[in-house]
Amino acid sequence: MPHENVDVHLGSGQASFRMMMEIFDDHDLKSSLTRSYPAGFPQLANVTFDVEWSGILDRQHIRNEAMNFEGEFLQTSSTILWSSVNPSGFQFTSEARNPTALVYAVIGHERSGVFFE
């Protein structure tokens, strides 16, 4: 993922991730698993992700020396928009941003392994 697609301001609990990419549309799950495709598939589809995190709800500092791990994690609100379109013209767009539908979102910064010291 290109660095410019991510913007993080951990101190204020804000981050965003935006990306457009081409992926293979295999038509359905069965086709993906069996690699038995209907005529015209797989085909390249364009997919767009737009994720935003904001608003600090809780803050946790975790340090585990036995596991060489330390991090600062922020529970936040989050929303996502997702869409896709394939060459056949099939389109899908997620429902509108809805922060009240949030289950759980976290952003953070960690150090582990050789970076722990």
C-alpha atoms as a PDB file:
ATOM      1  CA  MET A   1       0.000   0.000   0.000  1.00  0.00           C
ATOM      2  CA  PRO A   2       1.479   3.384  -0.922  1.00  0.00           C
ATOM      3  CA  HIS A   3       2.403   5.544   2.055  1.00  0.00           C
ATOM      4  CA  GLU A   4       0.381   8.490   0.719  1.00  0.00           C
ATOM      5  CA  ASN A   5      -2.851   6.462   1.086  1.00  0.00           C
ATOM      6  CA  VAL A   6      -2.606   6.578   4.887  1.00  0.00           C
ATOM      7  CA  ASP A   7      -2.803   9.677   7.077  1.00  0.00           C
ATOM      8  CA  VAL A   8      -2.399   9.236  10.861  1.00  0.00           C
ATOM      9  CA  HIS A   9      -2.566  11.831  13.650  1.00  0.00           C
ATOM     10  CA  LEU A  10      -2.343   9.549  16.664  1.00  0.00           C
ATOM     11  CA  GLY A  11      -2.260  12.392  19.198  1.00  0.00           C
ATOM     12  CA  SER A  12      -5.717  13.543  18.150  1.00  0.00           C
ATOM     13  CA  GLY A  13      -7.038  10.032  17.496  1.00  0.00           C
ATOM     14  CA  GLN A  14      -7.555  10.626  13.786  1.00  0.00           C
ATOM     15  CA  ALA A  15      -6.537   8.514  10.821  1.00  0.00           C
ATOM     16  CA  SER A  16      -7.695   7.824   7.298  1.00  0.00           C
ATOM     17  CA  PHE A  17      -7.050   5.203   4.642  1.00  0.00           C
ATOM     18  CA  ARG A  18      -8.038   5.686   1.019  1.00  0.00           C
ATOM     19  CA  MET A  19      -7.272   3.297  -1.776  1.00  0.00           C
ATOM     20  CA  MET A  20      -8.365   2.432  -5.285  1.00  0.00           C
ATOM     21  CA  MET A  21      -7.112  -0.796  -6.790  1.00  0.00           C
ATOM     22  CA  GLU A  22      -7.819  -3.442  -9.373  1.00  0.00           C
ATOM     23  CA  ILE A  23      -8.617  -6.940  -8.148  1.00  0.00           C
ATOM     24  CA  PHE A  24      -9.928 -10.069  -9.811  1.00  0.00           C
ATOM     25  CA  ASP A  25     -13.694 -10.547  -9.688  1.00  0.00           C
ATOM     26  CA  ASP A  26     -14.220 -14.313  -9.755  1.00  0.00           C
ATOM     27  CA  HIS A  27     -18.033 -13.947  -9.986  1.00  0.00           C
ATOM     28  CA  ASP A  28     -18.890 -15.791  -6.736  1.00  0.00           C
ATOM     29  CA  LEU A  29     -17.369 -17.655  -3.785  1.00  0.00           C
ATOM     30  CA  LYS A  30     -17.772 -21.079  -5.399  1.00  0.00           C
ATOM     31  CA  SER A  31     -15.821 -19.895  -8.457  1.00  0.00           C
ATOM     32  CA  SER A  32     -13.063 -18.511  -6.226  1.00  0.00           C
ATOM     33  CA  LEU A  33     -12.737 -21.765  -4.302  1.00  0.00           C
ATOM     34  CA  THR A  34     -13.032 -24.205  -7.195  1.00  0.00           C
ATOM     35  CA  ARG A  35     -11.402 -22.058  -9.885  1.00  0.00           C
ATOM     36  CA  SER A  36     -14.259 -23.032 -12.161  1.00  0.00           C
ATOM     37  CA  TYR A  37     -15.490 -19.738 -13.594  1.00  0.00           C
ATOM     38  CA  PRO A  38     -18.541 -18.782 -15.630  1.00  0.00           C
ATOM     39  CA  ALA A  39     -17.919 -17.401 -19.119  1.00  0.00           C
ATOM     40  CA  GLY A  40     -16.197 -14.010 -18.999  1.00  0.00           C
ATOM     41  CA  PHE A  41     -14.688 -14.496 -15.530  1.00  0.00           C
ATOM     42  CA  PRO A  42     -12.410 -13.830 -13.789  1.00  0.00           C
ATOM     43  CA  GLN A  43     -12.199 -10.191 -14.804  1.00  0.00           C
ATOM     44  CA  LEU A  44     -10.496  -7.161 -13.312  1.00  0.00           C
ATOM     45  CA  ALA A  45     -12.730  -4.978 -11.152  1.00  0.00           C
ATOM     46  CA  ASN A  46     -12.045  -1.574  -9.586  1.00  0.00           C
ATOM     47  CA  VAL A  47     -12.449  -1.406  -5.819  1.00  0.00           C
ATOM     48  CA  THR A  48     -12.390   1.723  -3.651  1.00  0.00           C
ATOM     49  CA  PHE A  49     -11.954   1.879   0.136  1.00  0.00           C
ATOM     50  CA  ASP A  50     -12.363   5.019   2.240  1.00  0.00           C
ATOM     51  CA  VAL A  51     -11.928   4.476   6.002  1.00  0.00           C
ATOM     52  CA  GLU A  52     -11.820   7.172   8.691  1.00  0.00           C
ATOM     53  CA  TRP A  53     -11.082   6.896  12.413  1.00  0.00           C
ATOM     54  CA  SER A  54     -11.748   9.788  14.807  1.00  0.00           C
ATOM     55  CA  GLY A  55     -12.722  10.677  18.351  1.00  0.00           C
ATOM     56  CA  ILE A  56     -10.804   9.069  21.208  1.00  0.00           C
ATOM     57  CA  LEU A  57     -13.124   6.854  23.288  1.00  0.00           C
ATOM     58  CA  ASP A  58     -10.420   5.118  25.350  1.00  0.00           C
ATOM     59  CA  ARG A  59      -6.619   5.000  25.520  1.00  0.00           C
ATOM     60  CA  GLN A  60      -4.472   2.006  26.501  1.00  0.00           C
ATOM     61  CA  HIS A  61      -0.712   1.699  26.915  1.00  0.00           C
ATOM     62  CA  ILE A  62       0.398  -1.929  26.780  1.00  0.00           C
ATOM     63  CA  ARG A  63       3.900  -3.161  27.579  1.00  0.00           C
ATOM     64  CA  ASN A  64       4.877  -6.826  27.627  1.00  0.00           C
ATOM     65  CA  GLU A  65       8.624  -7.289  28.071  1.00  0.00           C
ATOM     66  CA  ALA A  66       8.363 -11.098  27.867  1.00  0.00           C
ATOM     67  CA  MET A  67       6.929 -10.723  24.347  1.00  0.00           C
ATOM     68  CA  ASN A  68       9.130  -7.713  23.379  1.00  0.00           C
ATOM     69  CA  PHE A  69       6.033  -5.673  22.690  1.00  0.00           C
ATOM     70  CA  GLU A  70       4.855  -2.172  23.599  1.00  0.00           C
ATOM     71  CA  GLY A  71       2.176   0.054  22.150  1.00  0.00           C
ATOM     72  CA  GLU A  72      -0.172   2.976  22.557  1.00  0.00           C
ATOM     73  CA  PHE A  73      -3.687   2.131  21.344  1.00  0.00           C
ATOM     74  CA  LEU A  74      -6.723   4.360  20.966  1.00  0.00           C
ATOM     75  CA  GLN A  75     -10.280   3.115  20.735  1.00  0.00           C
ATOM     76  CA  THR A  76     -12.039   5.457  18.325  1.00  0.00           C
ATOM     77  CA  SER A  77     -15.116   5.858  16.216  1.00  0.00           C
ATOM     78  CA  SER A  78     -14.759   4.686  12.626  1.00  0.00           C
ATOM     79  CA  THR A  79     -16.621   4.734   9.322  1.00  0.00           C
ATOM     80  CA  ILE A  80     -16.035   3.068   5.968  1.00  0.00           C
ATOM     81  CA  LEU A  81     -17.248   3.508   2.410  1.00  0.00           C
ATOM     82  CA  TRP A  82     -16.573   0.708  -0.061  1.00  0.00           C
ATOM     83  CA  SER A  83     -17.480   0.334  -3.711  1.00  0.00           C
ATOM     84  CA  SER A  84     -16.642  -1.805  -6.709  1.00  0.00           C
ATOM     85  CA  VAL A  85     -17.432  -1.989 -10.401  1.00  0.00           C
ATOM     86  CA  ASN A  86     -16.479  -4.644 -12.949  1.00  0.00           C
ATOM     87  CA  PRO A  87     -16.259  -4.434 -16.763  1.00  0.00           C
ATOM     88  CA  SER A  88     -19.655  -6.170 -17.088  1.00  0.00           C
ATOM     89  CA  GLY A  89     -21.168  -3.111 -15.398  1.00  0.00           C
ATOM     90  CA  PHE A  90     -22.012  -4.762 -12.082  1.00  0.00           C
ATOM     91  CA  GLN A  91     -21.608  -2.226  -9.264  1.00  0.00           C
ATOM     92  CA  PHE A  92     -21.758  -2.427  -5.517  1.00  0.00           C
ATOM     93  CA  THR A  93     -21.609   0.454  -3.059  1.00  0.00           C
ATOM     94  CA  SER A  94     -21.737   0.142   0.704  1.00  0.00           C
ATOM     95  CA  GLU A  95     -24.402   1.967   2.640  1.00  0.00           C
ATOM     96  CA  ALA A  96     -23.657   5.536   3.747  1.00  0.00           C
ATOM     97  CA  ARG A  97     -21.269   6.211   6.603  1.00  0.00           C
ATOM     98  CA  ASN A  98     -22.955   5.325   9.883  1.00  0.00           C
ATOM     99  CA  PRO A  99     -20.864   5.798  13.049  1.00  0.00           C
ATOM    100  CA  THR A 100     -23.682   4.367  15.189  1.00  0.00           C
ATOM    101  CA  ALA A 101     -23.218   0.966  13.486  1.00  0.00           C
ATOM    102  CA  LEU A 102     -19.646   0.732  14.807  1.00  0.00           C
ATOM    103  CA  VAL A 103     -18.694  -2.459  16.611  1.00  0.00           C
ATOM    104  CA  TYR A 104     -15.086  -1.635  17.562  1.00  0.00           C
ATOM    105  CA  ALA A 105     -12.242   0.436  16.093  1.00  0.00           C
ATOM    106  CA  VAL A 106      -8.651   0.908  17.234  1.00  0.00           C
ATOM    107  CA  ILE A 107      -5.653   2.796  15.907  1.00  0.00           C
ATOM    108  CA  GLY A 108      -2.236   2.733  17.494  1.00  0.00           C
ATOM    109  CA  HIS A 109       1.514   2.633  17.385  1.00  0.00           C
ATOM    110  CA  GLU A 110       3.526  -0.386  18.447  1.00  0.00           C
ATOM    111  CA  ARG A 111       7.133  -1.425  18.856  1.00  0.00           C
ATOM    112  CA  SER A 112       8.063  -5.079  18.854  1.00  0.00           C
ATOM    113  CA  GLY A 113      10.933  -7.477  18.209  1.00  0.00           C
ATOM    114  CA  VAL A 114      14.231  -5.709  17.519  1.00  0.00           C
ATOM    115  CA  PHE A 115      12.431  -2.326  17.635  1.00  0.00           C
ATOM    116  CA  PHE A 116      11.258  -2.910  21.224  1.00  0.00           C
ATOM    117  CA  GLU A 117      14.469  -1.688  22.897  1.00  0.00           C
END
